Protein backbone atom coordinates (compact mmCIF):
# COMPACT_ATOMS: atom_id res chain seq x y z
CA UNK A 1 12.63 -13.86 -19.32
CA UNK A 2 9.46 -13.94 -19.83
CA UNK A 3 7.72 -10.68 -21.30
CA UNK A 4 3.68 -9.74 -20.45
CA UNK A 5 3.74 -13.08 -18.83
CA UNK A 6 2.91 -14.26 -15.28
CA UNK A 7 5.19 -16.12 -13.24
CA UNK A 8 2.56 -19.26 -12.38
CA UNK A 9 -0.69 -20.06 -13.44
CA UNK A 10 -2.29 -17.57 -15.86
CA UNK A 11 -5.62 -18.88 -14.82
CA UNK A 12 -8.21 -15.88 -14.02
CA UNK A 13 -9.30 -16.00 -10.51
CA UNK A 14 -11.68 -13.58 -9.26
CA UNK A 15 -11.34 -12.14 -5.59
CA UNK A 16 -13.28 -9.81 -3.35
CA UNK A 17 -11.88 -7.68 -1.23
CA UNK A 18 -13.23 -4.50 0.48
CA UNK A 19 -10.54 -1.60 0.93
CA UNK A 20 -9.68 -0.26 4.17
CA UNK A 21 -10.01 3.18 3.45
CA UNK A 22 -10.35 6.26 6.71
CA UNK A 23 -13.04 8.92 6.10
CA UNK A 24 -10.16 11.45 6.01
CA UNK A 25 -8.48 9.70 3.23
CA UNK A 26 -11.49 8.83 1.00
CA UNK A 27 -15.20 9.99 2.06
CA UNK A 28 -17.29 8.46 -0.66
CA UNK A 29 -15.61 5.21 -0.09
CA UNK A 30 -16.05 6.03 4.00
CA UNK A 31 -20.28 6.03 2.91
CA UNK A 32 -22.62 3.64 2.54
CA UNK A 33 -24.40 5.42 0.20
CA UNK A 34 -22.32 7.04 -3.19
CA UNK A 35 -21.83 11.03 -3.22
CA UNK A 36 -24.58 12.49 -4.67
CA UNK A 37 -24.20 14.03 -8.29
CA UNK A 38 -22.97 16.50 -9.72
CA UNK A 39 -19.90 16.90 -7.27
CA UNK A 40 -19.23 20.75 -6.46
CA UNK A 41 -16.39 22.21 -8.24
CA UNK A 42 -13.94 23.62 -5.87
CA UNK A 43 -11.90 27.42 -6.57
CA UNK A 44 -8.59 26.84 -8.54
CA UNK A 45 -7.36 23.76 -10.28
CA UNK A 46 -4.37 23.25 -12.74
CA UNK A 47 -4.68 21.76 -15.52
CA UNK A 48 -1.67 19.39 -15.41
CA UNK A 49 -3.02 18.16 -11.92
CA UNK A 50 -0.58 20.44 -9.12
CA UNK A 51 -3.35 20.92 -7.32
CA UNK A 52 -3.82 17.25 -6.74
CA UNK A 53 -0.62 16.88 -5.22
CA UNK A 54 -0.25 16.47 -1.51
CA UNK A 55 3.19 15.57 -0.84
CA UNK A 56 5.38 17.02 -1.56
CA UNK A 57 2.88 19.62 -2.32
CA UNK A 58 3.17 21.71 -5.80
CA UNK A 59 4.48 19.21 -7.95
CA UNK A 60 3.42 17.40 -10.91
CA UNK A 61 1.40 14.45 -9.72
CA UNK A 62 3.44 11.82 -11.22
CA UNK A 63 6.73 12.10 -9.02
CA UNK A 64 4.51 13.29 -6.33
CA UNK A 65 4.46 10.50 -3.43
CA UNK A 66 1.01 11.14 -2.39
CA UNK A 67 -2.37 12.61 -4.19
CA UNK A 68 -5.47 13.91 -2.88
CA UNK A 69 -7.70 11.05 -4.01
CA UNK A 70 -10.79 13.24 -2.40
CA UNK A 71 -13.27 13.13 -4.95
CA UNK A 72 -15.54 15.26 -3.04
CA UNK A 73 -15.62 17.76 -5.28
CA UNK A 74 -13.78 18.57 -8.12
CA UNK A 75 -11.69 21.51 -9.70
CA UNK A 76 -11.80 22.65 -12.94
CA UNK A 77 -11.10 20.82 -16.00
CA UNK A 78 -11.67 17.59 -14.21
CA UNK A 79 -12.86 14.65 -15.51
CA UNK A 80 -15.06 12.39 -12.66
CA UNK A 81 -14.73 8.51 -14.14
CA UNK A 82 -16.31 5.10 -12.19
CA UNK A 83 -13.75 2.89 -12.94
CA UNK A 84 -14.60 -0.62 -13.97
CA UNK A 85 -10.81 -1.81 -14.52
CA UNK A 86 -7.06 -1.06 -14.11
CA UNK A 87 -5.24 -2.31 -16.71
CA UNK A 88 -1.71 -2.80 -14.65
CA UNK A 89 1.55 -2.09 -16.54
CA UNK A 90 3.28 -5.06 -17.18
CA UNK A 91 6.36 -4.56 -15.53
CA UNK A 92 4.49 -3.37 -12.19
CA UNK A 93 2.30 -7.00 -12.27
CA UNK A 94 5.43 -8.93 -12.33
CA UNK A 95 7.15 -7.41 -10.04
CA UNK A 96 4.26 -7.50 -7.79
CA UNK A 97 3.29 -11.69 -8.51
CA UNK A 98 6.98 -12.10 -7.76
CA UNK A 99 6.72 -9.86 -4.36
CA UNK A 100 3.89 -12.67 -3.98
CA UNK A 101 5.48 -16.05 -4.74
CA UNK A 102 8.43 -14.67 -2.13
CA UNK A 103 6.14 -14.28 0.72
CA UNK A 104 5.10 -17.71 -0.26
CA UNK A 105 1.82 -17.48 -1.71
CA UNK A 106 0.72 -20.32 -4.19
CA UNK A 107 -1.99 -20.63 -6.91
CA UNK A 108 -4.90 -18.17 -6.10
CA UNK A 109 -3.41 -16.83 -3.67
CA UNK A 110 -1.41 -15.02 -5.77
CA UNK A 111 -4.20 -12.92 -7.68
CA UNK A 112 -5.46 -12.14 -4.07
CA UNK A 113 -1.80 -10.53 -2.65
CA UNK A 114 -1.83 -8.97 -6.03
CA UNK A 115 -4.91 -7.08 -4.99
CA UNK A 116 -4.26 -6.38 -1.55
CA UNK A 117 -1.03 -4.86 -2.75
CA UNK A 118 -2.57 -2.60 -4.83
CA UNK A 119 -5.34 -1.79 -2.56
CA UNK A 120 -2.46 -1.02 -0.37
CA UNK A 121 -0.52 1.04 -2.70
CA UNK A 122 -3.58 2.98 -3.72
CA UNK A 123 -4.19 3.50 0.05
CA UNK A 124 -1.26 5.45 0.66
CA UNK A 125 -0.60 6.76 -2.52
CA UNK A 126 -3.94 7.73 -3.31
CA UNK A 127 -2.98 6.86 -7.06
CA UNK A 128 -2.00 3.02 -8.42
CA UNK A 129 2.03 4.28 -8.72
CA UNK A 130 4.05 0.67 -7.62
CA UNK A 131 6.35 2.10 -5.41
CA UNK A 132 9.15 -0.67 -6.61
CA UNK A 133 9.16 -0.02 -10.51
CA UNK A 134 7.92 3.16 -10.79
CA UNK A 135 5.38 1.91 -13.15
CA UNK A 136 1.54 2.17 -13.20
CA UNK A 137 -0.84 1.56 -16.47
CA UNK A 138 -4.43 2.92 -17.19
CA UNK A 139 -7.92 2.46 -16.38
CA UNK A 140 -11.40 1.80 -18.07
CA UNK A 141 -14.28 3.37 -16.66
CA UNK A 142 -17.11 5.25 -17.04
CA UNK A 143 -17.99 9.36 -17.28
CA UNK A 144 -19.99 10.88 -13.92
CA UNK A 145 -19.59 14.50 -14.31
CA UNK A 146 -16.96 16.39 -16.96
CA UNK A 147 -15.85 20.01 -14.70
CA UNK A 148 -15.76 23.57 -16.67
CA UNK A 149 -12.74 24.57 -18.73
CA UNK A 150 -12.17 21.00 -19.69
CA UNK A 151 -12.63 21.81 -23.82
CA UNK A 152 -14.51 20.57 -26.84
CA UNK A 153 -13.35 17.32 -26.75
CA UNK A 154 -14.84 16.69 -23.46
CA UNK A 155 -16.57 13.22 -23.24
CA UNK A 156 -20.11 13.06 -22.22
CA UNK A 157 -21.72 11.66 -18.94
CA UNK A 158 -22.42 8.10 -19.46
CA UNK A 159 -19.54 7.61 -22.02
CA UNK A 160 -16.84 4.57 -21.13
CA UNK A 161 -12.89 5.94 -21.83
CA UNK A 162 -10.17 4.65 -21.30
CA UNK A 163 -7.48 7.03 -19.36
CA UNK A 164 -4.14 7.22 -21.60
CA UNK A 165 -2.31 8.66 -18.85
CA UNK A 166 -0.70 6.40 -16.29
CA UNK A 167 -2.25 5.02 -13.41
CA UNK A 168 0.85 6.93 -11.74
CA UNK A 169 -0.38 10.14 -12.34
CA UNK A 170 -4.02 10.03 -11.72
CA UNK A 171 -6.07 10.08 -8.48
CA UNK A 172 -7.82 7.05 -7.45
CA UNK A 173 -9.94 5.77 -4.65
CA UNK A 174 -10.61 1.59 -4.68
CA UNK A 175 -13.63 0.94 -2.98
CA UNK A 176 -14.01 -3.15 -3.85
CA UNK A 177 -11.88 -4.68 -5.90
CA UNK A 178 -13.36 -7.56 -7.81
CA UNK A 179 -12.01 -10.25 -10.04
CA UNK A 180 -8.42 -10.03 -10.86
CA UNK A 181 -6.94 -11.65 -14.47
CA UNK A 182 -3.62 -12.57 -14.32
CA UNK A 183 -3.14 -13.35 -17.63
CA UNK A 184 -4.15 -9.77 -19.04
CA UNK A 185 -2.85 -7.98 -15.43
CA UNK A 186 -5.97 -6.44 -15.64
CA UNK A 187 -7.89 -5.61 -11.83
CA UNK A 188 -11.59 -5.24 -12.09
CA UNK A 189 -12.64 -2.58 -9.34
CA UNK A 190 -15.00 -0.53 -7.94
CA UNK A 191 -14.05 3.21 -7.80
CA UNK A 192 -13.21 6.84 -8.61
CA UNK A 193 -10.60 8.50 -10.38
CA UNK A 194 -10.09 11.57 -12.09
CA UNK A 195 -8.46 12.55 -15.47
CA UNK A 196 -6.95 16.00 -15.62
CA UNK A 197 -7.69 19.00 -18.38
CA UNK A 198 -4.48 17.78 -19.91
CA UNK A 199 -4.55 13.90 -19.81
CA UNK A 200 -5.77 12.34 -23.17
CA UNK A 201 -8.77 9.52 -23.25
CA UNK A 202 -9.87 7.17 -25.95
CA UNK A 203 -13.50 6.49 -26.25
CA UNK A 204 -13.94 2.66 -26.34
CA UNK A 205 -14.77 1.07 -29.88
CA UNK A 206 -18.09 -0.23 -30.28
CA UNK A 207 -16.73 -2.90 -32.55
CA UNK A 208 -14.15 -4.48 -30.03
CA UNK A 209 -14.31 -6.01 -26.31
CA UNK A 210 -13.79 -4.02 -23.40
CA UNK A 211 -11.14 -6.20 -22.26
CA UNK A 212 -9.21 -6.59 -25.77
CA UNK A 213 -9.44 -2.80 -26.35
CA UNK A 214 -8.07 -1.95 -23.04
CA UNK A 215 -4.79 -4.59 -23.62
CA UNK A 216 -4.41 -2.73 -26.70
CA UNK A 217 -4.63 0.57 -25.77
CA UNK A 218 -2.31 -0.29 -22.80
CA UNK A 219 1.05 -0.42 -25.25
CA UNK A 220 -0.97 1.53 -28.12
CA UNK A 221 2.30 4.08 -28.15
CA UNK A 222 4.77 1.56 -29.36
CA UNK A 223 3.62 1.29 -32.64
CA UNK A 224 3.70 4.00 -34.16
CA UNK A 225 7.43 4.84 -32.55
CA UNK A 226 8.36 1.76 -34.55
CA UNK A 227 6.85 3.66 -37.86
CA UNK A 228 8.51 6.51 -37.10
CA UNK A 229 11.86 4.99 -36.46
CA UNK A 230 12.20 2.06 -38.89
CA UNK A 231 12.53 2.50 -42.87
CA UNK A 232 11.93 0.29 -45.86
CA UNK A 233 14.70 -2.30 -45.93
CA UNK A 234 16.01 -2.20 -42.13
CA UNK A 235 16.99 -4.85 -39.72
CA UNK A 236 15.25 -4.23 -36.83
CA UNK A 237 15.54 -6.84 -33.24
CA UNK A 238 12.13 -7.09 -30.80
CA UNK A 239 12.99 -7.70 -27.41
CA UNK A 240 10.13 -9.41 -25.54
CA UNK A 241 8.58 -9.65 -28.84
CA UNK A 242 5.88 -12.17 -27.78
CA UNK A 243 4.62 -10.13 -25.60
CA UNK A 244 1.55 -7.02 -26.74
CA UNK A 245 3.54 -4.41 -26.90
CA UNK A 246 6.49 -6.50 -28.31
CA UNK A 247 3.67 -8.18 -30.83
CA UNK A 248 2.53 -4.75 -32.23
CA UNK A 249 6.47 -3.80 -32.77
CA UNK A 250 7.25 -6.33 -34.65
CA UNK A 251 4.07 -6.48 -37.08
CA UNK A 252 4.49 -2.55 -37.12
CA UNK A 253 8.00 -3.41 -38.02
CA UNK A 254 7.67 -5.52 -40.67
CA UNK A 255 5.00 -3.10 -42.62
CA UNK A 256 7.78 -0.74 -42.49
CA UNK A 257 11.02 -2.49 -43.55
CA UNK A 258 9.14 -4.36 -46.25
CA UNK A 259 10.28 -7.74 -46.71
CA UNK A 260 13.69 -6.51 -48.14
CA UNK A 261 13.79 -5.77 -44.72
CA UNK A 262 14.62 -8.26 -41.33
CA UNK A 263 13.26 -8.32 -38.83
CA UNK A 264 14.66 -10.60 -35.31
CA UNK A 265 12.06 -11.26 -32.53
CA UNK A 266 13.78 -12.40 -28.85
CA UNK A 267 11.13 -14.41 -27.12
CA UNK A 268 12.16 -16.77 -24.07
CA UNK A 269 8.29 -17.70 -22.78
CA UNK A 270 7.92 -21.10 -24.91
CA UNK A 271 3.92 -20.54 -25.38
CA UNK A 272 4.55 -16.48 -26.65
CA UNK A 273 7.65 -18.28 -28.94
CA UNK A 274 5.29 -20.36 -30.87
CA UNK A 275 2.40 -18.01 -31.22
CA UNK A 276 4.81 -15.39 -32.49
CA UNK A 277 6.03 -17.92 -35.38
CA UNK A 278 2.31 -18.42 -36.04
CA UNK A 279 2.40 -15.37 -37.04
CA UNK A 280 5.13 -15.06 -39.11
CA UNK A 281 6.08 -11.79 -38.81
CA UNK A 282 9.46 -12.20 -37.89
CA UNK A 283 12.31 -13.80 -39.79
CA UNK A 284 13.81 -15.75 -37.13
CA UNK A 285 12.23 -15.70 -33.64
CA UNK A 286 14.84 -15.89 -31.12
CA UNK A 287 14.11 -18.37 -27.50
CA UNK A 288 16.73 -16.33 -25.43
CA UNK A 289 17.07 -14.32 -22.54
CA UNK A 290 17.16 -10.37 -23.37
CA UNK A 291 19.60 -10.61 -20.13
CA UNK A 292 22.41 -11.89 -21.94
CA UNK A 293 23.53 -9.48 -24.16
CA UNK A 294 26.14 -11.42 -25.67
CA UNK A 295 24.34 -14.46 -26.31
CA UNK A 296 21.81 -12.11 -27.83
CA UNK A 297 24.07 -10.02 -30.09
CA UNK A 298 25.98 -13.56 -31.15
CA UNK A 299 22.21 -14.87 -32.31
CA UNK A 300 21.64 -11.51 -34.40
CA UNK A 301 24.70 -11.59 -36.36
CA UNK A 302 24.27 -15.18 -36.89
CA UNK A 303 20.95 -14.20 -38.64
CA UNK A 304 22.10 -11.06 -39.95
CA UNK A 305 24.71 -11.92 -41.99
CA UNK A 306 26.75 -11.04 -39.27
CA UNK A 307 25.75 -7.28 -39.45
CA UNK A 308 24.38 -5.54 -36.41
CA UNK A 309 20.94 -4.47 -36.57
CA UNK A 310 19.37 -0.67 -37.68
CA UNK A 311 17.18 -0.49 -35.19
CA UNK A 312 15.98 -1.98 -31.62
CA UNK A 313 12.98 -2.49 -29.55
CA UNK A 314 13.15 -3.20 -26.34
CA UNK A 315 9.67 -4.62 -24.92
CA UNK A 316 10.35 -6.64 -22.20
CA UNK A 317 9.22 -6.40 -18.44
CA UNK A 318 12.03 -7.27 -16.46
CA UNK A 319 15.37 -5.56 -15.61
CA UNK A 320 18.89 -5.85 -16.46
CA UNK A 321 17.64 -5.92 -20.75
CA UNK A 322 19.90 -2.67 -21.64
CA UNK A 323 22.15 -3.84 -22.86
CA UNK A 324 20.79 -6.36 -24.93
CA UNK A 325 19.12 -3.59 -27.28
CA UNK A 326 22.61 -1.69 -27.68
CA UNK A 327 24.97 -4.21 -27.90
CA UNK A 328 23.21 -5.80 -31.03
CA UNK A 329 22.27 -2.18 -32.74
CA UNK A 330 24.77 -0.83 -35.05
CA UNK A 331 26.61 2.56 -34.79
CA UNK A 332 24.51 5.54 -35.09
CA UNK A 333 21.40 2.93 -35.02
CA UNK A 334 18.44 3.66 -32.63
CA UNK A 335 17.88 1.35 -29.47
CA UNK A 336 14.40 2.08 -28.34
CA UNK A 337 13.21 1.24 -24.55
CA UNK A 338 9.46 0.98 -24.76
CA UNK A 339 9.29 -0.47 -21.51
CA UNK A 340 9.11 0.74 -17.69
CA UNK A 341 11.80 -1.75 -16.10
CA UNK A 342 14.38 0.10 -17.65
CA UNK A 343 17.26 1.64 -16.47
CA UNK A 344 17.69 5.00 -18.00
CA UNK A 345 21.15 5.04 -15.76
CA UNK A 346 22.29 1.34 -17.39
CA UNK A 347 21.54 2.06 -20.93
CA UNK A 348 23.56 5.37 -20.71
CA UNK A 349 26.46 3.99 -18.83
CA UNK A 350 26.21 1.09 -20.10
CA UNK A 351 26.14 2.04 -23.82
CA UNK A 352 29.42 4.04 -22.73
CA UNK A 353 31.01 1.69 -21.21
CA UNK A 354 31.50 -0.78 -24.74
CA UNK A 355 31.92 2.58 -26.91
CA UNK A 356 28.44 2.06 -28.82
CA UNK A 357 27.18 5.15 -30.21
CA UNK A 358 24.14 4.33 -30.55
CA UNK A 359 20.59 7.00 -30.09
CA UNK A 360 18.25 5.58 -27.38
CA UNK A 361 15.18 6.93 -27.04
CA UNK A 362 13.01 6.73 -24.18
CA UNK A 363 10.07 5.13 -24.60
CA UNK A 364 6.88 7.83 -24.45
CA UNK A 365 3.45 6.05 -23.58
CA UNK A 366 1.67 8.60 -25.70
CA UNK A 367 2.22 9.67 -29.84
CA UNK A 368 -0.42 11.58 -31.82
CA UNK A 369 -3.20 9.52 -32.69
CA UNK A 370 -1.72 6.75 -31.01
CA UNK A 371 -5.05 5.29 -29.96
CA UNK A 372 -6.54 4.65 -33.64
CA UNK A 373 -3.20 3.47 -35.07
CA UNK A 374 -3.13 0.44 -32.58
CA UNK A 375 -6.87 -0.02 -32.68
CA UNK A 376 -6.60 0.24 -36.34
CA UNK A 377 -3.75 -2.68 -36.23
CA UNK A 378 -6.42 -4.94 -34.62
CA UNK A 379 -8.97 -4.56 -37.17
CA UNK A 380 -6.50 -5.05 -39.95
CA UNK A 381 -4.68 -7.97 -39.23
CA UNK A 382 -7.33 -11.00 -38.11
CA UNK A 383 -4.48 -13.29 -37.07
CA UNK A 384 -3.21 -10.58 -34.74
CA UNK A 385 -6.14 -9.79 -33.28
CA UNK A 386 -7.43 -13.94 -32.63
CA UNK A 387 -4.06 -13.72 -30.49
CA UNK A 388 -5.10 -11.05 -28.84
CA UNK A 389 -8.59 -12.16 -28.13
CA UNK A 390 -7.41 -15.39 -26.85
CA UNK A 391 -5.19 -14.13 -24.68
CA UNK A 392 -6.65 -10.90 -23.39
CA UNK A 393 -10.12 -10.42 -24.67
């Protein structure tokens, strides 16, 4: 169960792929000259983005099959961004890599295939909403225009910001892919996007490299949820503990549980397991596949004096790991699923099937002040920052 890791070589691979978008679908992309600013403001507009849903119409943008990514005009409350980098959700990126390998791609061709899949998805759906995993990611961009009624918190033109909402609901147009970085699951692009009035964002910090900050902001909702759920002296299990969100969760669990608590990390990817051990935040790093719930349970019981854990966090990027969290958690304990690969059906029916009265939480990528919380962790823990810089920065 590799967690947030590529299926093959993680070397960066630069590619240049021109988007093949029709003029009807994307006027700005079709012309050789970018549309002038400011863009006109069309009547109407909804703070949640309903006005951009094309199919089906009049629905929220996340479940919509296709969004309007024509940015020749804006609507009230929208913020227009020049997109620089897409930070693809780990489960989505892994699925695209696996599809490329299954189609025969090897080496640098895997990155090229991922780039083409991203282009095809955005062309068809008007957003980066993976049709297989249902997940998206988030983006880094520069503010081009702020529509009326955006509110006092609005960024200023020229600010560089990271969106704190999923790409699966963000209207997006890609003109060109400049690079695919498999280690960090990031794709550098030329394009535009809009953020709705209800969409939170974070200004890019001046003291952190862009790629590093973007990687952490992508999973910024994880650590604040750990802080809410872990009590002093608690025993905690983190599945996929060697990846981005896993490390943040394990570190926050250690801070909240304290020395009297116990933190166990499950990580099957050996380089990540070694990195996790070097950080010294887990009482034990278990090199196990989280798709084998009985093996995970047995190992945790052996390390935790025969007791199940109080809280389990799932941060994996592969399916079929729900029961490892549930089976290892005590009665009326908490299993929190932060991974986008989680199946609600498998978790709910699985818990019922083994008679586990466990409180099941669906991960929420948004928590109040979550961006500040997670970026502060980078500043406070130099060993974690050094590791993230090596991997993602």
